[in-house]
Amino acid sequence: MKLKPFKLDDAKWDRYKAFYLSGGPGSRYGGDGPIIQFDTGEVIIQPHHWGPDERGRISDYNIGVIKFGDGRNMPTFTTPEGEPLPLAHLDHRDNHRSVVVDYDTGHVVSLADLTKDTRVPVRLRQAAMCYFSGAEQEPVGGPIIQSKPRKLPKDQREHLDGLIQACRAWAKLEGVENKGWGYTESNWEHLLTQEFADLDEKTRLGIAQRGIHVSRELVEWPYLLIK
């Protein structure tokens, strides 16, 4: 992140009882934009609804505010160790907030509630959803959630596949393959302890028609990198 030239003649005071400049959407119309730069060199991003036309690269600060689903000019995202992450693992409902991309440090964090984050000065915690302590400093924000297919051990996968095949064979023999909608057991882990004989008819029918949904594995990263 880089700083704009700080001119006291352009600075405001009233809102924070400190000298600051504002930038980003809204600032060009005379109001405070969501990006606040203090005379100390600190920068915060305030709560703001970043619409599709507002997201993107902000050249004044060399940062970007995006959503993983924006689908335009996306960098390659990696774990902190440098492992590339498929965009499909990041564009999901657990990453509903916009994220901040710092093109100087290469760090990516989510906009988040930082009121209890001790990395942020107390005086700014109520207002900040992202915090920079200065130019070329890593952003402080919320974690980013990776959602990836869950890899089951061979014995667990074979057990669930066996339940699906048994339920489909039962539905065919009973002539109920297309009879309404059965109940699908939402707790796939519970089904690991169940045998076909343990299942009631609604559960058997649901599995026969829709299989068994295994939830995706969620991995929380404190930040991502771009390359």
C-alpha atoms as a PDB file:
ATOM      1  CA  MET A   1       0.000   0.000   0.000  1.00  0.00           C
ATOM      2  CA  LYS A   2       1.239   3.446  -0.807  1.00  0.00           C
ATOM      3  CA  LEU A   3       0.158   6.768   0.650  1.00  0.00           C
ATOM      4  CA  LYS A   4      -1.215   9.824  -1.060  1.00  0.00           C
ATOM      5  CA  PRO A   5       0.704  13.071  -0.495  1.00  0.00           C
ATOM      6  CA  PHE A   6      -0.649  14.479   2.755  1.00  0.00           C
ATOM      7  CA  LYS A   7      -1.555  18.158   2.594  1.00  0.00           C
ATOM      8  CA  LEU A   8      -2.934  19.725   5.767  1.00  0.00           C
ATOM      9  CA  ASP A   9      -4.895  22.226   3.667  1.00  0.00           C
ATOM     10  CA  ASP A  10      -6.934  19.294   2.311  1.00  0.00           C
ATOM     11  CA  ALA A  11      -7.206  17.425   5.607  1.00  0.00           C
ATOM     12  CA  LYS A  12     -10.269  16.989   7.780  1.00  0.00           C
ATOM     13  CA  TRP A  13     -10.415  16.741  11.565  1.00  0.00           C
ATOM     14  CA  ASP A  14     -13.949  16.517  12.907  1.00  0.00           C
ATOM     15  CA  ARG A  15     -14.778  12.827  12.634  1.00  0.00           C
ATOM     16  CA  TYR A  16     -11.677  11.300  14.229  1.00  0.00           C
ATOM     17  CA  LYS A  17     -10.261  14.264  16.165  1.00  0.00           C
ATOM     18  CA  ALA A  18      -7.140  13.732  14.092  1.00  0.00           C
ATOM     19  CA  PHE A  19      -5.986  15.025  10.725  1.00  0.00           C
ATOM     20  CA  TYR A  20      -7.038  12.731   7.886  1.00  0.00           C
ATOM     21  CA  LEU A  21      -7.730  12.497   4.176  1.00  0.00           C
ATOM     22  CA  SER A  22     -10.394  10.299   2.663  1.00  0.00           C
ATOM     23  CA  GLY A  23     -10.409   8.389  -0.592  1.00  0.00           C
ATOM     24  CA  GLY A  24     -12.262   5.771  -2.532  1.00  0.00           C
ATOM     25  CA  PRO A  25     -15.942   5.796  -3.584  1.00  0.00           C
ATOM     26  CA  GLY A  26     -17.838   8.811  -2.288  1.00  0.00           C
ATOM     27  CA  SER A  27     -14.851  11.044  -1.613  1.00  0.00           C
ATOM     28  CA  ARG A  28     -15.071  12.659  -5.034  1.00  0.00           C
ATOM     29  CA  TYR A  29     -18.543  13.954  -4.154  1.00  0.00           C
ATOM     30  CA  GLY A  30     -17.355  15.863  -1.088  1.00  0.00           C
ATOM     31  CA  GLY A  31     -18.129  13.224   1.542  1.00  0.00           C
ATOM     32  CA  ASP A  32     -15.812  10.869   3.352  1.00  0.00           C
ATOM     33  CA  GLY A  33     -14.813   7.912   1.243  1.00  0.00           C
ATOM     34  CA  PRO A  34     -14.274   4.522   2.900  1.00  0.00           C
ATOM     35  CA  ILE A  35     -10.466   4.831   2.814  1.00  0.00           C
ATOM     36  CA  ILE A  36      -9.100   7.052   5.582  1.00  0.00           C
ATOM     37  CA  GLN A  37      -5.453   8.147   5.641  1.00  0.00           C
ATOM     38  CA  PHE A  38      -4.178   9.803   8.829  1.00  0.00           C
ATOM     39  CA  ASP A  39      -1.266  12.190   9.197  1.00  0.00           C
ATOM     40  CA  THR A  40       0.473   9.399  11.142  1.00  0.00           C
ATOM     41  CA  GLY A  41       0.690   7.362   7.929  1.00  0.00           C
ATOM     42  CA  GLU A  42      -1.938   4.897   9.140  1.00  0.00           C
ATOM     43  CA  VAL A  43      -4.749   3.924   6.787  1.00  0.00           C
ATOM     44  CA  ILE A  44      -8.063   2.231   7.528  1.00  0.00           C
ATOM     45  CA  ILE A  45     -10.933   1.061   5.373  1.00  0.00           C
ATOM     46  CA  GLN A  46     -14.288   1.894   6.942  1.00  0.00           C
ATOM     47  CA  PRO A  47     -17.539  -0.065   6.567  1.00  0.00           C
ATOM     48  CA  HIS A  48     -18.904   0.458   3.074  1.00  0.00           C
ATOM     49  CA  HIS A  49     -21.019  -1.481   0.604  1.00  0.00           C
ATOM     50  CA  TRP A  50     -18.607  -1.999  -2.266  1.00  0.00           C
ATOM     51  CA  GLY A  51     -20.811  -2.250  -5.326  1.00  0.00           C
ATOM     52  CA  PRO A  52     -19.668  -3.982  -8.525  1.00  0.00           C
ATOM     53  CA  ASP A  53     -18.812  -0.655 -10.159  1.00  0.00           C
ATOM     54  CA  GLU A  54     -16.729   0.420  -7.150  1.00  0.00           C
ATOM     55  CA  ARG A  55     -14.638  -2.710  -6.770  1.00  0.00           C
ATOM     56  CA  GLY A  56     -11.294  -3.029  -8.474  1.00  0.00           C
ATOM     57  CA  ARG A  57      -7.856  -1.482  -8.258  1.00  0.00           C
ATOM     58  CA  ILE A  58      -7.501   1.846  -6.415  1.00  0.00           C
ATOM     59  CA  SER A  59      -4.402   3.420  -7.915  1.00  0.00           C
ATOM     60  CA  ASP A  60      -4.038   6.175  -5.285  1.00  0.00           C
ATOM     61  CA  TYR A  61      -3.141   3.522  -2.704  1.00  0.00           C
ATOM     62  CA  ASN A  62      -2.069   0.645  -4.970  1.00  0.00           C
ATOM     63  CA  ILE A  63      -4.605  -1.656  -3.381  1.00  0.00           C
ATOM     64  CA  GLY A  64      -7.723  -3.365  -4.686  1.00  0.00           C
ATOM     65  CA  VAL A  65     -11.095  -4.192  -3.201  1.00  0.00           C
ATOM     66  CA  ILE A  66     -12.653  -7.175  -4.939  1.00  0.00           C
ATOM     67  CA  LYS A  67     -14.837 -10.224  -4.536  1.00  0.00           C
ATOM     68  CA  PHE A  68     -13.617 -13.603  -5.661  1.00  0.00           C
ATOM     69  CA  GLY A  69     -16.625 -13.899  -7.941  1.00  0.00           C
ATOM     70  CA  ASP A  70     -15.905 -10.698  -9.862  1.00  0.00           C
ATOM     71  CA  GLY A  71     -14.123 -12.704 -12.528  1.00  0.00           C
ATOM     72  CA  ARG A  72     -12.126  -9.894 -14.114  1.00  0.00           C
ATOM     73  CA  ASN A  73      -8.388  -9.295 -13.985  1.00  0.00           C
ATOM     74  CA  MET A  74      -8.005 -11.764 -11.151  1.00  0.00           C
ATOM     75  CA  PRO A  75      -4.482 -12.470  -9.885  1.00  0.00           C
ATOM     76  CA  THR A  76      -3.391 -15.956  -8.893  1.00  0.00           C
ATOM     77  CA  PHE A  77      -4.042 -16.516  -5.188  1.00  0.00           C
ATOM     78  CA  THR A  78      -1.797 -18.730  -3.080  1.00  0.00           C
ATOM     79  CA  THR A  79      -1.571 -19.907   0.502  1.00  0.00           C
ATOM     80  CA  PRO A  80       1.015 -18.206   2.749  1.00  0.00           C
ATOM     81  CA  GLU A  81       3.342 -21.084   1.784  1.00  0.00           C
ATOM     82  CA  GLY A  82       2.899 -20.312  -1.932  1.00  0.00           C
ATOM     83  CA  GLU A  83       0.531 -23.148  -2.934  1.00  0.00           C
ATOM     84  CA  PRO A  84      -1.829 -21.906  -5.695  1.00  0.00           C
ATOM     85  CA  LEU A  85      -5.542 -22.038  -4.838  1.00  0.00           C
ATOM     86  CA  PRO A  86      -8.258 -22.609  -7.455  1.00  0.00           C
ATOM     87  CA  LEU A  87     -10.595 -19.629  -7.622  1.00  0.00           C
ATOM     88  CA  ALA A  88     -13.506 -22.068  -7.230  1.00  0.00           C
ATOM     89  CA  HIS A  89     -12.215 -22.827  -3.716  1.00  0.00           C
ATOM     90  CA  LEU A  90     -12.545 -19.138  -2.770  1.00  0.00           C
ATOM     91  CA  ASP A  91     -15.754 -18.015  -4.482  1.00  0.00           C
ATOM     92  CA  HIS A  92     -18.351 -19.358  -2.018  1.00  0.00           C
ATOM     93  CA  ARG A  93     -20.802 -18.135   0.591  1.00  0.00           C
ATOM     94  CA  ASP A  94     -18.319 -18.288   3.490  1.00  0.00           C
ATOM     95  CA  ASN A  95     -16.309 -15.558   1.726  1.00  0.00           C
ATOM     96  CA  HIS A  96     -19.285 -13.223   1.344  1.00  0.00           C
ATOM     97  CA  ARG A  97     -17.359 -10.059   2.189  1.00  0.00           C
ATOM     98  CA  SER A  98     -15.072  -8.165  -0.151  1.00  0.00           C
ATOM     99  CA  VAL A  99     -11.333  -8.686   0.202  1.00  0.00           C
ATOM    100  CA  VAL A 100      -8.442  -6.235   0.101  1.00  0.00           C
ATOM    101  CA  VAL A 101      -5.525  -6.930  -2.229  1.00  0.00           C
ATOM    102  CA  ASP A 102      -2.319  -5.074  -1.390  1.00  0.00           C
ATOM    103  CA  TYR A 103      -0.290  -4.989  -4.600  1.00  0.00           C
ATOM    104  CA  ASP A 104       2.845  -3.789  -2.783  1.00  0.00           C
ATOM    105  CA  THR A 105       3.148  -6.538  -0.160  1.00  0.00           C
ATOM    106  CA  GLY A 106       1.140  -9.123  -2.106  1.00  0.00           C
ATOM    107  CA  HIS A 107      -1.094  -9.826   0.900  1.00  0.00           C
ATOM    108  CA  VAL A 108      -4.833 -10.431   0.681  1.00  0.00           C
ATOM    109  CA  VAL A 109      -7.209 -10.182   3.670  1.00  0.00           C
ATOM    110  CA  SER A 110     -10.952  -9.898   4.038  1.00  0.00           C
ATOM    111  CA  LEU A 111     -12.815  -6.842   5.236  1.00  0.00           C
ATOM    112  CA  ALA A 112     -13.934  -7.807   8.739  1.00  0.00           C
ATOM    113  CA  ASP A 113     -15.047  -6.636  12.157  1.00  0.00           C
ATOM    114  CA  LEU A 114     -11.799  -5.686  13.910  1.00  0.00           C
ATOM    115  CA  THR A 115     -13.280  -4.315  17.138  1.00  0.00           C
ATOM    116  CA  LYS A 116     -11.476  -6.978  19.209  1.00  0.00           C
ATOM    117  CA  ASP A 117      -8.343  -7.265  17.089  1.00  0.00           C
ATOM    118  CA  THR A 118      -5.343  -6.285  19.220  1.00  0.00           C
ATOM    119  CA  ARG A 119      -3.246  -5.648  16.104  1.00  0.00           C
ATOM    120  CA  VAL A 120      -5.322  -2.501  15.526  1.00  0.00           C
ATOM    121  CA  PRO A 121      -4.909   0.579  17.771  1.00  0.00           C
ATOM    122  CA  VAL A 122      -7.806   0.883  20.202  1.00  0.00           C
ATOM    123  CA  ARG A 123      -8.807   4.303  18.891  1.00  0.00           C
ATOM    124  CA  LEU A 124      -9.447   2.856  15.410  1.00  0.00           C
ATOM    125  CA  ARG A 125     -10.996  -0.541  16.152  1.00  0.00           C
ATOM    126  CA  GLN A 126     -14.606   0.635  15.983  1.00  0.00           C
ATOM    127  CA  ALA A 127     -14.129   2.119  12.528  1.00  0.00           C
ATOM    128  CA  ALA A 128     -11.649  -0.162  10.784  1.00  0.00           C
ATOM    129  CA  MET A 129     -12.482  -3.197   8.665  1.00  0.00           C
ATOM    130  CA  CYS A 130      -8.911  -3.214   7.396  1.00  0.00           C
ATOM    131  CA  TYR A 131      -5.867  -1.487   8.889  1.00  0.00           C
ATOM    132  CA  PHE A 132      -2.445  -0.501   7.549  1.00  0.00           C
ATOM    133  CA  SER A 133       0.128   0.793  10.025  1.00  0.00           C
ATOM    134  CA  GLY A 134       1.911   2.625   7.219  1.00  0.00           C
ATOM    135  CA  ALA A 135       3.083   2.511   3.633  1.00  0.00           C
ATOM    136  CA  GLU A 136       4.338  -0.893   2.424  1.00  0.00           C
ATOM    137  CA  GLN A 137       3.085  -2.537   5.621  1.00  0.00           C
ATOM    138  CA  GLU A 138       1.018  -5.708   5.498  1.00  0.00           C
ATOM    139  CA  PRO A 139      -2.739  -5.172   5.847  1.00  0.00           C
ATOM    140  CA  VAL A 140      -4.562  -6.292   8.975  1.00  0.00           C
ATOM    141  CA  GLY A 141      -7.959  -7.784   8.257  1.00  0.00           C
ATOM    142  CA  GLY A 142     -10.053 -10.891   8.579  1.00  0.00           C
ATOM    143  CA  PRO A 143      -9.173 -14.432   7.500  1.00  0.00           C
ATOM    144  CA  ILE A 144     -10.078 -15.976   4.166  1.00  0.00           C
ATOM    145  CA  ILE A 145     -11.889 -19.316   3.965  1.00  0.00           C
ATOM    146  CA  GLN A 146     -10.944 -21.968   1.446  1.00  0.00           C
ATOM    147  CA  SER A 147     -13.695 -24.461   0.599  1.00  0.00           C
ATOM    148  CA  LYS A 148     -12.318 -27.628  -0.971  1.00  0.00           C
ATOM    149  CA  PRO A 149     -13.656 -31.121  -1.687  1.00  0.00           C
ATOM    150  CA  ARG A 150     -13.298 -33.351   1.335  1.00  0.00           C
ATOM    151  CA  LYS A 151     -11.019 -36.329   0.811  1.00  0.00           C
ATOM    152  CA  LEU A 152     -12.348 -39.332   2.694  1.00  0.00           C
ATOM    153  CA  PRO A 153     -10.281 -42.357   3.668  1.00  0.00           C
ATOM    154  CA  LYS A 154     -10.854 -45.339   1.378  1.00  0.00           C
ATOM    155  CA  ASP A 155     -12.886 -47.302   3.943  1.00  0.00           C
ATOM    156  CA  GLN A 156     -15.264 -44.376   4.590  1.00  0.00           C
ATOM    157  CA  ARG A 157     -15.737 -43.701   0.883  1.00  0.00           C
ATOM    158  CA  GLU A 158     -16.455 -47.369   0.220  1.00  0.00           C
ATOM    159  CA  HIS A 159     -18.949 -47.492   3.101  1.00  0.00           C
ATOM    160  CA  LEU A 160     -20.953 -44.517   1.780  1.00  0.00           C
ATOM    161  CA  ASP A 161     -20.798 -45.830  -1.799  1.00  0.00           C
ATOM    162  CA  GLY A 162     -22.096 -49.159  -0.516  1.00  0.00           C
ATOM    163  CA  LEU A 163     -25.068 -47.455   1.179  1.00  0.00           C
ATOM    164  CA  ILE A 164     -25.914 -45.602  -2.037  1.00  0.00           C
ATOM    165  CA  GLN A 165     -25.802 -48.781  -4.129  1.00  0.00           C
ATOM    166  CA  ALA A 166     -27.876 -50.721  -1.567  1.00  0.00           C
ATOM    167  CA  CYS A 167     -30.499 -47.977  -1.383  1.00  0.00           C
ATOM    168  CA  ARG A 168     -30.789 -47.755  -5.173  1.00  0.00           C
ATOM    169  CA  ALA A 169     -31.136 -51.513  -5.464  1.00  0.00           C
ATOM    170  CA  TRP A 170     -33.823 -51.464  -2.737  1.00  0.00           C
ATOM    171  CA  ALA A 171     -35.736 -48.619  -4.433  1.00  0.00           C
ATOM    172  CA  LYS A 172     -35.702 -50.475  -7.759  1.00  0.00           C
ATOM    173  CA  LEU A 173     -36.919 -53.719  -6.233  1.00  0.00           C
ATOM    174  CA  GLU A 174     -39.665 -51.881  -4.322  1.00  0.00           C
ATOM    175  CA  GLY A 175     -40.603 -49.878  -7.415  1.00  0.00           C
ATOM    176  CA  VAL A 176     -40.298 -46.566  -5.626  1.00  0.00           C
ATOM    177  CA  GLU A 177     -37.434 -44.906  -7.528  1.00  0.00           C
ATOM    178  CA  ASN A 178     -39.694 -42.060  -8.625  1.00  0.00           C
ATOM    179  CA  LYS A 179     -42.071 -42.007  -5.685  1.00  0.00           C
ATOM    180  CA  GLY A 180     -42.021 -38.476  -4.270  1.00  0.00           C
ATOM    181  CA  TRP A 181     -38.970 -37.240  -2.475  1.00  0.00           C
ATOM    182  CA  GLY A 182     -37.372 -39.072   0.370  1.00  0.00           C
ATOM    183  CA  TYR A 183     -35.462 -37.600   3.256  1.00  0.00           C
ATOM    184  CA  THR A 184     -31.716 -37.269   2.807  1.00  0.00           C
ATOM    185  CA  GLU A 185     -29.645 -37.642   5.952  1.00  0.00           C
ATOM    186  CA  SER A 186     -27.762 -34.337   6.219  1.00  0.00           C
ATOM    187  CA  ASN A 187     -25.157 -35.672   8.627  1.00  0.00           C
ATOM    188  CA  TRP A 188     -22.961 -37.782   6.374  1.00  0.00           C
ATOM    189  CA  GLU A 189     -20.671 -38.495   9.318  1.00  0.00           C
ATOM    190  CA  HIS A 190     -23.579 -40.162  11.121  1.00  0.00           C
ATOM    191  CA  LEU A 191     -24.125 -42.402   8.099  1.00  0.00           C
ATOM    192  CA  LEU A 192     -20.608 -43.747   8.544  1.00  0.00           C
ATOM    193  CA  THR A 193     -21.910 -45.599  11.593  1.00  0.00           C
ATOM    194  CA  GLN A 194     -25.087 -46.848   9.887  1.00  0.00           C
ATOM    195  CA  GLU A 195     -25.742 -49.984   7.891  1.00  0.00           C
ATOM    196  CA  PHE A 196     -28.476 -50.344   5.283  1.00  0.00           C
ATOM    197  CA  ALA A 197     -30.691 -52.206   7.755  1.00  0.00           C
ATOM    198  CA  ASP A 198     -30.484 -49.240  10.155  1.00  0.00           C
ATOM    199  CA  LEU A 199     -32.052 -46.789   7.682  1.00  0.00           C
ATOM    200  CA  ASP A 200     -35.756 -46.027   7.580  1.00  0.00           C
ATOM    201  CA  GLU A 201     -37.588 -45.948   4.247  1.00  0.00           C
ATOM    202  CA  LYS A 202     -37.511 -42.156   3.855  1.00  0.00           C
ATOM    203  CA  THR A 203     -33.758 -42.077   4.329  1.00  0.00           C
ATOM    204  CA  ARG A 204     -33.277 -45.004   1.921  1.00  0.00           C
ATOM    205  CA  LEU A 205     -35.399 -43.275  -0.713  1.00  0.00           C
ATOM    206  CA  GLY A 206     -33.566 -39.980  -0.278  1.00  0.00           C
ATOM    207  CA  ILE A 207     -30.191 -41.653  -0.678  1.00  0.00           C
ATOM    208  CA  ALA A 208     -31.422 -43.643  -3.679  1.00  0.00           C
ATOM    209  CA  GLN A 209     -32.601 -40.473  -5.413  1.00  0.00           C
ATOM    210  CA  ARG A 210     -29.932 -37.966  -4.434  1.00  0.00           C
ATOM    211  CA  GLY A 211     -26.992 -39.884  -3.063  1.00  0.00           C
ATOM    212  CA  ILE A 212     -25.109 -38.705   0.021  1.00  0.00           C
ATOM    213  CA  HIS A 213     -23.810 -35.165   0.169  1.00  0.00           C
ATOM    214  CA  VAL A 214     -20.406 -34.944   1.816  1.00  0.00           C
ATOM    215  CA  SER A 215     -19.765 -31.410   3.027  1.00  0.00           C
ATOM    216  CA  ARG A 216     -16.723 -29.578   1.746  1.00  0.00           C
ATOM    217  CA  GLU A 217     -13.726 -29.038   3.976  1.00  0.00           C
ATOM    218  CA  LEU A 218     -13.246 -25.456   5.162  1.00  0.00           C
ATOM    219  CA  VAL A 219      -9.705 -24.197   5.728  1.00  0.00           C
ATOM    220  CA  GLU A 220      -9.150 -20.794   7.341  1.00  0.00           C
ATOM    221  CA  TRP A 221      -6.121 -18.830   6.183  1.00  0.00           C
ATOM    222  CA  PRO A 222      -5.054 -15.683   8.089  1.00  0.00           C
ATOM    223  CA  TYR A 223      -4.186 -14.167   4.717  1.00  0.00           C
ATOM    224  CA  LEU A 224      -3.441 -15.153   1.123  1.00  0.00           C
ATOM    225  CA  LEU A 225      -0.737 -14.031  -1.286  1.00  0.00           C
ATOM    226  CA  ILE A 226      -0.885 -13.057  -4.941  1.00  0.00           C
ATOM    227  CA  LYS A 227       1.611 -13.896  -7.652  1.00  0.00           C
END
